[in-house]
């Protein structure tokens, strides 16, 4: 079974979260940190954030942050 099929069968709340920009961009933030061999602390410094705030972006749970703010974190990590 493909991931999309699993998402389609998931409860609406789960599917909505997986399809959210927060979750989708958090995967890119996490992937970029791993590709660069950074710890969370190093990534937080690179993004100009406190560790707890950085973790909320990486975990996709910063509900107050806009798509633009998620993208800004990603941009800082990719420098």
C-alpha atoms as a PDB file:
ATOM      1  CA  UNK A   1       0.000   0.000   0.000  1.00  0.00           C
ATOM      2  CA  UNK A   2       1.293   3.450  -0.910  1.00  0.00           C
ATOM      3  CA  UNK A   3       1.599   6.261   1.603  1.00  0.00           C
ATOM      4  CA  UNK A   4      -1.081   8.325  -0.179  1.00  0.00           C
ATOM      5  CA  UNK A   5      -3.505   5.427   0.154  1.00  0.00           C
ATOM      6  CA  UNK A   6      -2.792   5.240   3.886  1.00  0.00           C
ATOM      7  CA  UNK A   7      -3.383   8.971   4.241  1.00  0.00           C
ATOM      8  CA  UNK A   8      -6.655   8.655   2.329  1.00  0.00           C
ATOM      9  CA  UNK A   9      -7.803   5.970   4.801  1.00  0.00           C
ATOM     10  CA  UNK A  10      -6.666   7.871   7.895  1.00  0.00           C
ATOM     11  CA  UNK A  11      -9.055   9.837  10.094  1.00  0.00           C
ATOM     12  CA  UNK A  12      -9.673  13.327   8.708  1.00  0.00           C
ATOM     13  CA  UNK A  13      -7.651  15.024  11.461  1.00  0.00           C
ATOM     14  CA  UNK A  14      -4.600  12.865  10.696  1.00  0.00           C
ATOM     15  CA  UNK A  15      -4.897  13.377   6.945  1.00  0.00           C
ATOM     16  CA  UNK A  16      -5.330  17.128   7.418  1.00  0.00           C
ATOM     17  CA  UNK A  17      -2.145  17.300   9.511  1.00  0.00           C
ATOM     18  CA  UNK A  18      -0.101  15.219   7.066  1.00  0.00           C
ATOM     19  CA  UNK A  19      -1.282  17.426   4.207  1.00  0.00           C
ATOM     20  CA  UNK A  20      -0.637  20.679   6.131  1.00  0.00           C
ATOM     21  CA  UNK A  21       2.143  23.028   5.131  1.00  0.00           C
ATOM     22  CA  UNK A  22       3.483  22.732   8.678  1.00  0.00           C
ATOM     23  CA  UNK A  23       4.065  18.996   8.325  1.00  0.00           C
ATOM     24  CA  UNK A  24       5.284  19.124   4.730  1.00  0.00           C
ATOM     25  CA  UNK A  25       7.807  21.887   5.421  1.00  0.00           C
ATOM     26  CA  UNK A  26       8.900  20.309   8.703  1.00  0.00           C
ATOM     27  CA  UNK A  27      10.010  17.255   6.717  1.00  0.00           C
ATOM     28  CA  UNK A  28      12.123  19.501   4.489  1.00  0.00           C
ATOM     29  CA  UNK A  29      13.606  21.272   7.525  1.00  0.00           C
ATOM     30  CA  UNK A  30      14.463  17.947   9.165  1.00  0.00           C
ATOM     31  CA  UNK A  31      15.893  16.543   5.935  1.00  0.00           C
ATOM     32  CA  UNK A  32      18.057  19.609   5.384  1.00  0.00           C
ATOM     33  CA  UNK A  33      19.419  19.448   8.936  1.00  0.00           C
ATOM     34  CA  UNK A  34      20.291  15.767   8.516  1.00  0.00           C
ATOM     35  CA  UNK A  35      21.875  16.312   5.074  1.00  0.00           C
ATOM     36  CA  UNK A  36      24.085  19.026   6.556  1.00  0.00           C
ATOM     37  CA  UNK A  37      25.049  16.884   9.539  1.00  0.00           C
ATOM     38  CA  UNK A  38      23.832  19.472  12.025  1.00  0.00           C
ATOM     39  CA  UNK A  39      22.569  18.897  15.540  1.00  0.00           C
ATOM     40  CA  UNK A  40      19.298  20.559  16.484  1.00  0.00           C
ATOM     41  CA  UNK A  41      21.248  23.121  18.489  1.00  0.00           C
ATOM     42  CA  UNK A  42      23.493  23.937  15.519  1.00  0.00           C
ATOM     43  CA  UNK A  43      20.476  24.211  13.226  1.00  0.00           C
ATOM     44  CA  UNK A  44      18.725  26.514  15.695  1.00  0.00           C
ATOM     45  CA  UNK A  45      21.761  28.801  15.778  1.00  0.00           C
ATOM     46  CA  UNK A  46      21.985  28.776  11.979  1.00  0.00           C
ATOM     47  CA  UNK A  47      18.285  29.687  11.751  1.00  0.00           C
ATOM     48  CA  UNK A  48      18.651  32.366  14.425  1.00  0.00           C
ATOM     49  CA  UNK A  49      16.161  30.685  16.771  1.00  0.00           C
ATOM     50  CA  UNK A  50      16.061  29.371  20.303  1.00  0.00           C
ATOM     51  CA  UNK A  51      16.207  25.575  20.382  1.00  0.00           C
ATOM     52  CA  UNK A  52      12.577  25.114  21.520  1.00  0.00           C
ATOM     53  CA  UNK A  53      11.305  27.379  18.734  1.00  0.00           C
ATOM     54  CA  UNK A  54      13.475  25.581  16.168  1.00  0.00           C
ATOM     55  CA  UNK A  55      12.157  22.212  17.370  1.00  0.00           C
ATOM     56  CA  UNK A  56       8.574  23.420  16.932  1.00  0.00           C
ATOM     57  CA  UNK A  57       9.362  24.114  13.262  1.00  0.00           C
ATOM     58  CA  UNK A  58      11.216  20.835  12.749  1.00  0.00           C
ATOM     59  CA  UNK A  59       8.382  18.907  14.411  1.00  0.00           C
ATOM     60  CA  UNK A  60       5.731  20.761  12.403  1.00  0.00           C
ATOM     61  CA  UNK A  61       3.850  21.906  15.491  1.00  0.00           C
ATOM     62  CA  UNK A  62       4.343  25.661  15.326  1.00  0.00           C
ATOM     63  CA  UNK A  63       0.695  26.384  14.535  1.00  0.00           C
ATOM     64  CA  UNK A  64       1.093  30.162  14.840  1.00  0.00           C
ATOM     65  CA  UNK A  65       3.852  30.313  12.220  1.00  0.00           C
ATOM     66  CA  UNK A  66       2.967  31.136   8.650  1.00  0.00           C
ATOM     67  CA  UNK A  67       4.124  29.238   5.593  1.00  0.00           C
ATOM     68  CA  UNK A  68       6.539  32.105   4.979  1.00  0.00           C
ATOM     69  CA  UNK A  69       8.084  31.668   8.428  1.00  0.00           C
ATOM     70  CA  UNK A  70       8.586  27.942   7.829  1.00  0.00           C
ATOM     71  CA  UNK A  71      10.196  28.750   4.488  1.00  0.00           C
ATOM     72  CA  UNK A  72      12.445  31.344   6.150  1.00  0.00           C
ATOM     73  CA  UNK A  73      13.761  28.695   8.570  1.00  0.00           C
ATOM     74  CA  UNK A  74      14.386  26.366   5.642  1.00  0.00           C
ATOM     75  CA  UNK A  75      16.185  29.130   3.706  1.00  0.00           C
ATOM     76  CA  UNK A  76      18.486  29.876   6.657  1.00  0.00           C
ATOM     77  CA  UNK A  77      19.360  26.180   6.979  1.00  0.00           C
ATOM     78  CA  UNK A  78      20.199  25.889   3.293  1.00  0.00           C
ATOM     79  CA  UNK A  79      22.751  28.731   3.396  1.00  0.00           C
END
